[in-house]
């Protein structure tokens, strides 16, 4: 058996920390794969809040949800909004109670999508700061980064620098990366200590 893909690694880290009934966030809906994963992980008594700036992403996600058995998924709230606005869009009682927040950065992975619409460094860093506030102790943030596309390298470098500078008494961070290819996607995972 080989190494896990970056997405499988992110899912593994998250699945080890979520419990049925938990609250989770998909910060970048895309085609809805992470939202479905989170909704199955927290189950029917849980709740998933999902964000994307593209209407097309929400449509693709809803199509994916429709293919799943309804009784296996958590309640899902979709927001046509930037991930940087997640804190403002969530109920106040959610702050400090979220078990996992997933970021899959870059562009919408759909054939018809406009690949010029990408996640932006400034809004991503704001969203990561908000995510730390929303996360419960022992909760996790995963960020899949794509340095191989235009704009992706700068965002990946900024996120890596941000995660590297986080105080060790607040959280611990790890990186999962193929070292022989500088343009290969990679994952940063952040576990909140307190």
N, C-alpha and C. Protein backbone atom coordinates (compact mmCIF):
# COMPACT_ATOMS: atom_id res chain seq x y z
N UNK A 1 0.85 -1.19 0.00
CA UNK A 1 0.00 0.00 0.00
C UNK A 1 0.89 1.24 0.00
N UNK A 2 0.53 2.21 -0.82
CA UNK A 2 1.32 3.44 -0.91
C UNK A 2 0.85 4.48 0.08
N UNK A 3 1.45 5.65 -0.04
CA UNK A 3 1.04 6.77 0.81
C UNK A 3 -0.38 7.21 0.47
N UNK A 4 -1.04 7.80 1.43
CA UNK A 4 -2.37 8.36 1.20
C UNK A 4 -2.27 9.57 0.30
N UNK A 5 -3.31 9.82 -0.49
CA UNK A 5 -3.39 11.08 -1.23
C UNK A 5 -3.57 12.21 -0.22
N UNK A 6 -3.35 13.44 -0.64
CA UNK A 6 -3.51 14.56 0.30
C UNK A 6 -4.95 14.64 0.81
N UNK A 7 -5.92 14.38 -0.05
CA UNK A 7 -7.32 14.43 0.38
C UNK A 7 -7.63 13.31 1.37
N UNK A 8 -7.11 12.12 1.09
CA UNK A 8 -7.32 10.99 2.02
C UNK A 8 -6.65 11.26 3.36
N UNK A 9 -5.46 11.87 3.33
CA UNK A 9 -4.78 12.21 4.57
C UNK A 9 -5.62 13.20 5.39
N UNK A 10 -6.14 14.24 4.71
CA UNK A 10 -6.99 15.22 5.41
C UNK A 10 -8.22 14.54 6.00
N UNK A 11 -8.87 13.67 5.22
CA UNK A 11 -10.06 12.97 5.71
C UNK A 11 -9.73 12.08 6.91
N UNK A 12 -8.59 11.40 6.85
CA UNK A 12 -8.19 10.53 7.96
C UNK A 12 -7.99 11.34 9.24
N UNK A 13 -7.31 12.46 9.15
CA UNK A 13 -7.07 13.29 10.32
C UNK A 13 -8.38 13.78 10.92
N UNK A 14 -9.29 14.20 10.06
CA UNK A 14 -10.59 14.71 10.52
C UNK A 14 -11.43 13.59 11.11
N UNK A 15 -11.49 12.44 10.45
CA UNK A 15 -12.35 11.34 10.93
C UNK A 15 -11.92 10.84 12.30
N UNK A 16 -10.65 10.97 12.62
CA UNK A 16 -10.16 10.53 13.93
C UNK A 16 -10.56 11.47 15.06
N UNK A 17 -11.08 12.64 14.72
CA UNK A 17 -11.41 13.63 15.75
C UNK A 17 -12.90 13.96 15.84
N UNK A 18 -13.67 13.63 14.82
CA UNK A 18 -15.10 13.93 14.84
C UNK A 18 -15.90 12.80 15.47
N UNK A 19 -16.98 13.19 16.13
CA UNK A 19 -17.91 12.25 16.75
C UNK A 19 -19.31 12.50 16.18
N UNK A 20 -20.18 11.49 16.23
CA UNK A 20 -21.57 11.73 15.84
C UNK A 20 -22.17 12.87 16.66
N UNK A 21 -22.89 13.75 15.99
CA UNK A 21 -23.52 14.88 16.65
C UNK A 21 -22.67 16.14 16.67
N UNK A 22 -21.43 16.06 16.19
CA UNK A 22 -20.54 17.23 16.18
C UNK A 22 -20.95 18.26 15.14
N UNK A 23 -20.32 19.40 15.24
CA UNK A 23 -20.46 20.49 14.26
C UNK A 23 -19.18 20.54 13.45
N UNK A 24 -19.31 20.71 12.13
CA UNK A 24 -18.14 20.79 11.25
C UNK A 24 -18.38 21.86 10.19
N UNK A 25 -17.29 22.31 9.58
CA UNK A 25 -17.36 23.35 8.55
C UNK A 25 -16.54 22.92 7.33
N UNK A 26 -17.15 23.07 6.16
CA UNK A 26 -16.43 22.96 4.90
C UNK A 26 -16.25 24.39 4.41
N UNK A 27 -15.04 24.92 4.52
CA UNK A 27 -14.78 26.33 4.21
C UNK A 27 -14.79 26.61 2.71
N UNK A 28 -14.64 25.57 1.90
CA UNK A 28 -14.58 25.73 0.44
C UNK A 28 -15.34 24.56 -0.19
N UNK A 29 -16.60 24.73 -0.47
CA UNK A 29 -17.47 23.63 -0.90
C UNK A 29 -16.97 22.91 -2.15
N UNK A 30 -16.58 23.66 -3.18
CA UNK A 30 -16.19 23.00 -4.43
C UNK A 30 -17.33 22.18 -4.97
N UNK A 31 -17.10 20.89 -5.20
CA UNK A 31 -18.16 20.02 -5.71
C UNK A 31 -18.92 19.31 -4.60
N UNK A 32 -18.59 19.60 -3.35
CA UNK A 32 -19.32 19.04 -2.22
C UNK A 32 -18.75 17.77 -1.61
N UNK A 33 -17.61 17.30 -2.09
CA UNK A 33 -17.04 16.05 -1.58
C UNK A 33 -16.72 16.13 -0.08
N UNK A 34 -16.08 17.21 0.34
CA UNK A 34 -15.75 17.34 1.76
C UNK A 34 -17.00 17.56 2.61
N UNK A 35 -17.97 18.28 2.08
CA UNK A 35 -19.22 18.48 2.82
C UNK A 35 -19.90 17.14 3.08
N UNK A 36 -19.97 16.29 2.05
CA UNK A 36 -20.58 14.97 2.21
C UNK A 36 -19.78 14.14 3.22
N UNK A 37 -18.46 14.17 3.09
CA UNK A 37 -17.60 13.45 4.05
C UNK A 37 -17.89 13.90 5.49
N UNK A 38 -17.94 15.21 5.70
CA UNK A 38 -18.20 15.75 7.04
C UNK A 38 -19.61 15.38 7.51
N UNK A 39 -20.59 15.48 6.61
CA UNK A 39 -21.98 15.18 6.97
C UNK A 39 -22.15 13.71 7.36
N UNK A 40 -21.42 12.82 6.71
CA UNK A 40 -21.46 11.41 7.10
C UNK A 40 -20.73 11.20 8.42
N UNK A 41 -19.63 11.91 8.60
CA UNK A 41 -18.81 11.74 9.82
C UNK A 41 -19.55 12.17 11.08
N UNK A 42 -20.32 13.25 11.01
CA UNK A 42 -21.03 13.72 12.21
C UNK A 42 -22.44 13.15 12.30
N UNK A 43 -22.93 12.56 11.21
CA UNK A 43 -24.20 11.85 11.22
C UNK A 43 -25.42 12.74 11.34
N UNK A 44 -26.59 12.10 11.36
CA UNK A 44 -27.86 12.83 11.35
C UNK A 44 -28.07 13.80 12.51
N UNK A 45 -27.39 13.60 13.62
CA UNK A 45 -27.55 14.52 14.75
C UNK A 45 -26.54 15.67 14.71
N UNK A 46 -25.64 15.65 13.74
CA UNK A 46 -24.64 16.70 13.61
C UNK A 46 -25.09 17.79 12.66
N UNK A 47 -24.21 18.77 12.46
CA UNK A 47 -24.50 19.88 11.54
C UNK A 47 -23.22 20.28 10.82
N UNK A 48 -23.34 20.52 9.51
CA UNK A 48 -22.22 20.98 8.69
C UNK A 48 -22.61 22.32 8.06
N UNK A 49 -21.71 23.28 8.22
CA UNK A 49 -21.86 24.60 7.59
C UNK A 49 -20.84 24.68 6.47
N UNK A 50 -21.30 25.04 5.27
CA UNK A 50 -20.42 25.01 4.09
C UNK A 50 -20.48 26.33 3.33
N UNK A 51 -19.31 26.76 2.84
CA UNK A 51 -19.16 28.07 2.21
C UNK A 51 -18.50 27.97 0.84
N UNK A 52 -18.99 28.77 -0.10
CA UNK A 52 -18.32 28.94 -1.38
C UNK A 52 -18.80 30.25 -2.00
N UNK A 53 -17.94 30.88 -2.79
CA UNK A 53 -18.31 32.15 -3.43
C UNK A 53 -18.98 31.94 -4.78
N UNK A 54 -19.01 30.69 -5.26
CA UNK A 54 -19.58 30.43 -6.58
C UNK A 54 -20.91 29.67 -6.47
N UNK A 55 -21.91 30.21 -7.10
CA UNK A 55 -23.22 29.55 -7.16
C UNK A 55 -23.09 28.16 -7.78
N UNK A 56 -22.23 28.05 -8.81
CA UNK A 56 -22.02 26.77 -9.48
C UNK A 56 -21.55 25.69 -8.50
N UNK A 57 -20.72 26.06 -7.55
CA UNK A 57 -20.24 25.10 -6.55
C UNK A 57 -21.41 24.60 -5.70
N UNK A 58 -22.28 25.50 -5.29
CA UNK A 58 -23.42 25.08 -4.46
C UNK A 58 -24.37 24.17 -5.24
N UNK A 59 -24.54 24.45 -6.53
CA UNK A 59 -25.40 23.60 -7.38
C UNK A 59 -24.79 22.20 -7.49
N UNK A 60 -23.48 22.13 -7.76
CA UNK A 60 -22.81 20.83 -7.85
C UNK A 60 -22.88 20.07 -6.53
N UNK A 61 -22.73 20.78 -5.43
CA UNK A 61 -22.80 20.15 -4.11
C UNK A 61 -24.19 19.59 -3.85
N UNK A 62 -25.22 20.36 -4.17
CA UNK A 62 -26.60 19.88 -3.97
C UNK A 62 -26.87 18.63 -4.80
N UNK A 63 -26.32 18.58 -6.01
CA UNK A 63 -26.47 17.39 -6.85
C UNK A 63 -25.80 16.18 -6.18
N UNK A 64 -24.64 16.42 -5.58
CA UNK A 64 -23.93 15.34 -4.87
C UNK A 64 -24.73 14.89 -3.65
N UNK A 65 -25.30 15.84 -2.89
CA UNK A 65 -26.09 15.48 -1.71
C UNK A 65 -27.28 14.62 -2.09
N UNK A 66 -27.90 14.92 -3.23
CA UNK A 66 -29.10 14.21 -3.68
C UNK A 66 -28.82 12.73 -3.96
N UNK A 67 -27.57 12.39 -4.20
CA UNK A 67 -27.20 11.00 -4.48
C UNK A 67 -26.93 10.20 -3.20
N UNK A 68 -27.00 10.85 -2.06
CA UNK A 68 -26.71 10.20 -0.77
C UNK A 68 -28.01 9.85 -0.04
N UNK A 69 -28.01 8.75 0.73
CA UNK A 69 -29.19 8.45 1.56
C UNK A 69 -29.38 9.57 2.59
N UNK A 70 -30.53 10.18 2.59
CA UNK A 70 -30.80 11.34 3.43
C UNK A 70 -30.58 11.05 4.90
N UNK A 71 -30.93 9.86 5.34
CA UNK A 71 -30.83 9.55 6.77
C UNK A 71 -29.39 9.29 7.23
N UNK A 72 -28.42 9.34 6.30
CA UNK A 72 -27.03 9.12 6.70
C UNK A 72 -26.26 10.43 6.89
N UNK A 73 -26.89 11.55 6.50
CA UNK A 73 -26.19 12.83 6.52
C UNK A 73 -26.65 13.74 7.65
N UNK A 74 -25.73 14.58 8.08
CA UNK A 74 -26.05 15.65 9.03
C UNK A 74 -26.90 16.71 8.33
N UNK A 75 -27.46 17.62 9.10
CA UNK A 75 -28.07 18.81 8.52
C UNK A 75 -26.94 19.62 7.88
N UNK A 76 -27.22 20.17 6.70
CA UNK A 76 -26.20 20.94 5.98
C UNK A 76 -26.75 22.33 5.70
N UNK A 77 -25.98 23.35 6.06
CA UNK A 77 -26.32 24.73 5.73
C UNK A 77 -25.30 25.25 4.74
N UNK A 78 -25.78 25.63 3.55
CA UNK A 78 -24.90 26.15 2.50
C UNK A 78 -24.95 27.67 2.48
N UNK A 79 -23.79 28.30 2.33
CA UNK A 79 -23.70 29.76 2.27
C UNK A 79 -22.98 30.18 1.00
N UNK A 80 -23.62 31.04 0.23
CA UNK A 80 -22.96 31.66 -0.93
C UNK A 80 -22.19 32.85 -0.38
N UNK A 81 -21.01 32.55 0.15
CA UNK A 81 -20.21 33.57 0.85
C UNK A 81 -18.77 33.11 0.92
N UNK A 82 -17.87 34.06 1.06
CA UNK A 82 -16.46 33.77 1.23
C UNK A 82 -16.21 33.03 2.54
N UNK A 83 -15.21 32.17 2.53
CA UNK A 83 -14.82 31.48 3.76
C UNK A 83 -14.36 32.47 4.82
N UNK A 84 -13.93 33.65 4.41
CA UNK A 84 -13.50 34.66 5.38
C UNK A 84 -14.67 35.20 6.20
N UNK A 85 -15.90 34.92 5.78
CA UNK A 85 -17.10 35.40 6.48
C UNK A 85 -17.79 34.29 7.29
N UNK A 86 -17.10 33.18 7.50
CA UNK A 86 -17.77 32.07 8.19
C UNK A 86 -18.18 32.44 9.61
N UNK A 87 -17.34 33.14 10.33
CA UNK A 87 -17.66 33.49 11.72
C UNK A 87 -18.92 34.36 11.78
N UNK A 88 -19.03 35.31 10.85
CA UNK A 88 -20.19 36.21 10.83
C UNK A 88 -21.48 35.49 10.44
N UNK A 89 -21.37 34.39 9.69
CA UNK A 89 -22.55 33.68 9.21
C UNK A 89 -23.03 32.56 10.14
N UNK A 90 -22.23 32.19 11.11
CA UNK A 90 -22.62 31.09 11.99
C UNK A 90 -23.31 31.59 13.25
N UNK A 91 -24.19 30.77 13.82
CA UNK A 91 -24.84 31.16 15.07
C UNK A 91 -23.79 31.36 16.17
N UNK A 92 -23.98 32.33 17.05
CA UNK A 92 -23.00 32.59 18.11
C UNK A 92 -22.68 31.38 18.98
N UNK A 93 -23.68 30.52 19.19
CA UNK A 93 -23.45 29.36 20.06
C UNK A 93 -22.50 28.32 19.45
N UNK A 94 -22.17 28.46 18.18
CA UNK A 94 -21.25 27.54 17.50
C UNK A 94 -19.79 27.87 17.83
N UNK A 95 -19.52 29.13 18.13
CA UNK A 95 -18.14 29.55 18.38
C UNK A 95 -17.51 28.75 19.52
N UNK A 96 -16.34 28.17 19.22
CA UNK A 96 -15.64 27.36 20.20
C UNK A 96 -16.14 25.93 20.32
N UNK A 97 -17.07 25.52 19.44
CA UNK A 97 -17.66 24.18 19.54
C UNK A 97 -17.46 23.34 18.28
N UNK A 98 -16.78 23.87 17.27
CA UNK A 98 -16.64 23.17 15.99
C UNK A 98 -15.54 22.11 16.10
N UNK A 99 -15.85 20.90 15.65
CA UNK A 99 -14.90 19.79 15.74
C UNK A 99 -13.88 19.75 14.63
N UNK A 100 -14.27 20.19 13.42
CA UNK A 100 -13.35 20.15 12.28
C UNK A 100 -13.74 21.20 11.26
N UNK A 101 -12.71 21.79 10.65
CA UNK A 101 -12.91 22.76 9.57
C UNK A 101 -11.95 22.38 8.45
N UNK A 102 -12.53 22.13 7.26
CA UNK A 102 -11.73 21.71 6.12
C UNK A 102 -11.65 22.81 5.06
N UNK A 103 -10.45 23.04 4.57
CA UNK A 103 -10.19 23.96 3.46
C UNK A 103 -9.59 23.13 2.33
N UNK A 104 -10.14 23.26 1.14
CA UNK A 104 -9.56 22.65 -0.06
C UNK A 104 -9.40 23.81 -1.04
N UNK A 105 -8.24 24.42 -1.03
CA UNK A 105 -8.02 25.70 -1.70
C UNK A 105 -7.81 25.55 -3.21
N UNK A 106 -7.71 26.67 -3.89
CA UNK A 106 -7.49 26.64 -5.34
C UNK A 106 -8.73 27.07 -6.09
N UNK A 107 -9.08 26.31 -7.13
CA UNK A 107 -10.23 26.64 -7.96
C UNK A 107 -11.25 25.51 -7.94
N UNK A 108 -12.45 25.79 -8.44
CA UNK A 108 -13.52 24.80 -8.50
C UNK A 108 -13.13 23.68 -9.46
N UNK A 109 -13.01 22.43 -8.97
CA UNK A 109 -12.57 21.32 -9.82
C UNK A 109 -13.70 20.74 -10.67
N UNK A 110 -14.18 21.55 -11.58
CA UNK A 110 -15.25 21.13 -12.48
C UNK A 110 -14.84 21.54 -13.89
N UNK A 111 -15.17 20.71 -14.86
CA UNK A 111 -14.76 20.98 -16.25
C UNK A 111 -15.26 22.33 -16.75
N UNK A 112 -16.47 22.71 -16.36
CA UNK A 112 -17.07 23.96 -16.84
C UNK A 112 -16.64 25.18 -16.03
N UNK A 113 -15.95 24.98 -14.95
CA UNK A 113 -15.62 26.09 -14.04
C UNK A 113 -14.60 27.04 -14.64
N UNK A 114 -14.69 28.29 -14.22
CA UNK A 114 -13.72 29.31 -14.59
C UNK A 114 -12.51 29.17 -13.68
N UNK A 115 -11.40 28.67 -14.23
CA UNK A 115 -10.20 28.40 -13.42
C UNK A 115 -9.48 29.69 -13.00
N UNK A 116 -9.98 30.84 -13.47
CA UNK A 116 -9.42 32.11 -13.04
C UNK A 116 -9.96 32.52 -11.67
N UNK A 117 -11.07 31.93 -11.27
CA UNK A 117 -11.64 32.20 -9.95
C UNK A 117 -10.98 31.24 -8.96
N UNK A 118 -10.12 31.79 -8.11
CA UNK A 118 -9.37 30.98 -7.16
C UNK A 118 -9.52 31.56 -5.76
N UNK A 119 -9.16 30.76 -4.78
CA UNK A 119 -9.13 31.29 -3.42
C UNK A 119 -7.99 32.31 -3.35
N UNK A 120 -8.20 33.35 -2.58
CA UNK A 120 -7.24 34.45 -2.49
C UNK A 120 -6.54 34.41 -1.13
N UNK A 121 -5.26 34.72 -1.14
CA UNK A 121 -4.44 34.62 0.07
C UNK A 121 -5.02 35.40 1.24
N UNK A 122 -5.41 36.66 1.03
CA UNK A 122 -5.89 37.48 2.14
C UNK A 122 -7.15 36.91 2.78
N UNK A 123 -8.11 36.49 1.94
CA UNK A 123 -9.35 35.95 2.51
C UNK A 123 -9.11 34.59 3.15
N UNK A 124 -8.18 33.82 2.61
CA UNK A 124 -7.86 32.52 3.21
C UNK A 124 -7.23 32.70 4.58
N UNK A 125 -6.30 33.64 4.71
CA UNK A 125 -5.67 33.88 6.02
C UNK A 125 -6.70 34.39 7.03
N UNK A 126 -7.60 35.27 6.60
CA UNK A 126 -8.68 35.73 7.49
C UNK A 126 -9.57 34.56 7.93
N UNK A 127 -9.86 33.67 6.97
CA UNK A 127 -10.71 32.51 7.28
C UNK A 127 -10.02 31.57 8.26
N UNK A 128 -8.72 31.38 8.10
CA UNK A 128 -7.99 30.51 9.02
C UNK A 128 -7.96 31.09 10.43
N UNK A 129 -7.81 32.40 10.54
CA UNK A 129 -7.86 33.05 11.86
C UNK A 129 -9.22 32.83 12.50
N UNK A 130 -10.29 33.01 11.72
CA UNK A 130 -11.65 32.79 12.23
C UNK A 130 -11.84 31.33 12.62
N UNK A 131 -11.28 30.43 11.83
CA UNK A 131 -11.42 28.99 12.10
C UNK A 131 -10.84 28.64 13.47
N UNK A 132 -9.71 29.22 13.80
CA UNK A 132 -9.11 28.94 15.13
C UNK A 132 -10.04 29.35 16.27
N UNK A 133 -10.75 30.45 16.09
CA UNK A 133 -11.70 30.90 17.12
C UNK A 133 -12.92 29.98 17.21
N UNK A 134 -13.34 29.46 16.08
CA UNK A 134 -14.53 28.60 16.04
C UNK A 134 -14.26 27.19 16.55
N UNK A 135 -13.02 26.76 16.47
CA UNK A 135 -12.64 25.39 16.80
C UNK A 135 -12.70 25.13 18.31
N UNK A 136 -13.11 23.94 18.68
CA UNK A 136 -13.09 23.51 20.08
C UNK A 136 -11.70 22.95 20.41
N UNK A 137 -11.37 22.81 21.68
CA UNK A 137 -10.12 22.14 22.03
C UNK A 137 -10.11 20.71 21.46
N UNK A 138 -9.00 20.30 20.92
CA UNK A 138 -8.78 19.01 20.25
C UNK A 138 -9.47 18.94 18.88
N UNK A 139 -10.04 20.06 18.43
CA UNK A 139 -10.59 20.12 17.09
C UNK A 139 -9.46 20.30 16.08
N UNK A 140 -9.79 20.15 14.79
CA UNK A 140 -8.76 20.17 13.75
C UNK A 140 -9.17 21.04 12.57
N UNK A 141 -8.18 21.68 11.99
CA UNK A 141 -8.31 22.40 10.71
C UNK A 141 -7.41 21.68 9.73
N UNK A 142 -7.91 21.38 8.54
CA UNK A 142 -7.05 20.87 7.48
C UNK A 142 -7.13 21.84 6.30
N UNK A 143 -5.98 22.08 5.69
CA UNK A 143 -5.92 22.95 4.51
C UNK A 143 -5.13 22.23 3.43
N UNK A 144 -5.82 21.88 2.33
CA UNK A 144 -5.16 21.29 1.17
C UNK A 144 -4.74 22.45 0.27
N UNK A 145 -3.44 22.51 -0.02
CA UNK A 145 -2.85 23.63 -0.76
C UNK A 145 -2.35 23.14 -2.12
N UNK A 146 -2.47 24.01 -3.12
CA UNK A 146 -2.11 23.66 -4.49
C UNK A 146 -1.12 24.67 -5.07
N UNK A 147 0.18 24.48 -4.83
CA UNK A 147 1.16 25.44 -5.34
C UNK A 147 1.40 25.35 -6.85
N UNK A 148 0.80 24.38 -7.53
CA UNK A 148 1.08 24.16 -8.95
C UNK A 148 0.26 24.99 -9.93
N UNK A 149 -0.63 25.86 -9.46
CA UNK A 149 -1.40 26.70 -10.39
C UNK A 149 -1.12 28.17 -10.10
N UNK A 150 -1.43 29.01 -11.07
CA UNK A 150 -1.19 30.46 -10.93
C UNK A 150 -1.92 30.98 -9.70
N UNK A 151 -1.19 31.63 -8.82
CA UNK A 151 -1.75 32.15 -7.58
C UNK A 151 -1.69 31.16 -6.43
N UNK A 152 -1.59 29.89 -6.74
CA UNK A 152 -1.58 28.86 -5.71
C UNK A 152 -0.29 28.81 -4.92
N UNK A 153 0.83 29.08 -5.57
CA UNK A 153 2.11 29.03 -4.86
C UNK A 153 2.20 30.12 -3.79
N UNK A 154 1.78 31.33 -4.15
CA UNK A 154 1.82 32.43 -3.17
C UNK A 154 0.89 32.13 -1.99
N UNK A 155 -0.30 31.61 -2.28
CA UNK A 155 -1.24 31.27 -1.20
C UNK A 155 -0.66 30.16 -0.32
N UNK A 156 -0.08 29.13 -0.94
CA UNK A 156 0.49 28.02 -0.18
C UNK A 156 1.63 28.51 0.72
N UNK A 157 2.48 29.36 0.21
CA UNK A 157 3.58 29.89 1.01
C UNK A 157 3.07 30.71 2.19
N UNK A 158 2.04 31.53 1.94
CA UNK A 158 1.49 32.37 3.01
C UNK A 158 0.83 31.53 4.09
N UNK A 159 0.08 30.51 3.69
CA UNK A 159 -0.59 29.65 4.66
C UNK A 159 0.45 28.86 5.46
N UNK A 160 1.48 28.37 4.79
CA UNK A 160 2.53 27.63 5.48
C UNK A 160 3.24 28.53 6.50
N UNK A 161 3.54 29.75 6.11
CA UNK A 161 4.20 30.69 7.03
C UNK A 161 3.29 31.00 8.22
N UNK A 162 2.00 31.22 7.95
CA UNK A 162 1.03 31.49 9.02
C UNK A 162 0.97 30.32 10.00
N UNK A 163 0.83 29.09 9.47
CA UNK A 163 0.71 27.91 10.33
C UNK A 163 2.00 27.67 11.12
N UNK A 164 3.14 27.94 10.50
CA UNK A 164 4.43 27.75 11.17
C UNK A 164 4.61 28.70 12.35
N UNK A 165 3.98 29.86 12.27
CA UNK A 165 4.14 30.88 13.32
C UNK A 165 3.12 30.75 14.46
N UNK A 166 2.20 29.80 14.38
CA UNK A 166 1.21 29.64 15.43
C UNK A 166 1.88 29.22 16.74
N UNK A 167 1.46 29.80 17.86
CA UNK A 167 2.07 29.45 19.16
C UNK A 167 1.82 27.98 19.52
N UNK A 168 2.88 27.32 19.94
CA UNK A 168 2.79 25.89 20.28
C UNK A 168 1.90 25.63 21.48
N UNK A 169 1.70 26.61 22.34
CA UNK A 169 0.84 26.37 23.49
C UNK A 169 -0.64 26.43 23.12
N UNK A 170 -0.95 26.94 21.92
CA UNK A 170 -2.34 27.02 21.46
C UNK A 170 -2.68 25.86 20.53
N UNK A 171 -1.75 25.50 19.65
CA UNK A 171 -2.03 24.43 18.70
C UNK A 171 -0.73 23.80 18.21
N UNK A 172 -0.90 22.65 17.60
CA UNK A 172 0.25 22.03 16.93
C UNK A 172 -0.10 21.85 15.46
N UNK A 173 0.93 21.96 14.62
CA UNK A 173 0.71 21.87 13.18
C UNK A 173 1.61 20.81 12.58
N UNK A 174 1.10 20.15 11.55
CA UNK A 174 1.89 19.18 10.80
C UNK A 174 1.68 19.45 9.32
N UNK A 175 2.63 18.96 8.52
CA UNK A 175 2.54 19.11 7.08
C UNK A 175 2.72 17.71 6.46
N UNK A 176 1.94 17.43 5.43
CA UNK A 176 2.01 16.16 4.71
C UNK A 176 2.26 16.52 3.25
N UNK A 177 3.48 16.18 2.77
CA UNK A 177 3.90 16.69 1.47
C UNK A 177 4.87 15.75 0.78
N UNK A 178 4.72 15.63 -0.54
CA UNK A 178 5.69 14.91 -1.35
C UNK A 178 6.88 15.83 -1.57
N UNK A 179 8.04 15.44 -1.11
CA UNK A 179 9.20 16.32 -1.12
C UNK A 179 9.89 16.45 -2.48
N UNK A 180 9.72 15.49 -3.37
CA UNK A 180 10.43 15.54 -4.64
C UNK A 180 9.78 16.47 -5.68
N UNK A 181 8.56 16.92 -5.44
CA UNK A 181 7.86 17.80 -6.40
C UNK A 181 7.39 19.05 -5.67
N UNK A 182 8.00 20.17 -5.98
CA UNK A 182 7.65 21.42 -5.29
C UNK A 182 6.25 21.91 -5.65
N UNK A 183 5.71 21.45 -6.79
CA UNK A 183 4.37 21.89 -7.20
C UNK A 183 3.26 20.92 -6.79
N UNK A 184 3.62 19.85 -6.07
CA UNK A 184 2.62 18.87 -5.66
C UNK A 184 1.71 19.45 -4.57
N UNK A 185 0.42 19.10 -4.59
CA UNK A 185 -0.47 19.53 -3.51
C UNK A 185 0.02 18.98 -2.17
N UNK A 186 -0.30 19.70 -1.10
CA UNK A 186 0.05 19.22 0.22
C UNK A 186 -0.98 19.68 1.24
N UNK A 187 -0.90 19.08 2.43
CA UNK A 187 -1.87 19.35 3.49
C UNK A 187 -1.15 19.90 4.71
N UNK A 188 -1.77 20.91 5.29
CA UNK A 188 -1.38 21.36 6.62
C UNK A 188 -2.54 21.05 7.54
N UNK A 189 -2.25 20.41 8.67
CA UNK A 189 -3.27 20.10 9.67
C UNK A 189 -2.90 20.80 10.96
N UNK A 190 -3.91 21.41 11.57
CA UNK A 190 -3.72 22.19 12.80
C UNK A 190 -4.67 21.65 13.86
N UNK A 191 -4.12 21.19 14.97
CA UNK A 191 -4.94 20.71 16.07
C UNK A 191 -4.89 21.73 17.21
N UNK A 192 -6.05 22.18 17.64
CA UNK A 192 -6.12 23.16 18.71
C UNK A 192 -5.94 22.44 20.05
N UNK A 193 -5.04 22.98 20.88
CA UNK A 193 -4.78 22.37 22.18
C UNK A 193 -5.78 22.82 23.24
N UNK A 194 -6.10 24.12 23.23
CA UNK A 194 -7.00 24.64 24.27
C UNK A 194 -7.86 25.74 23.71
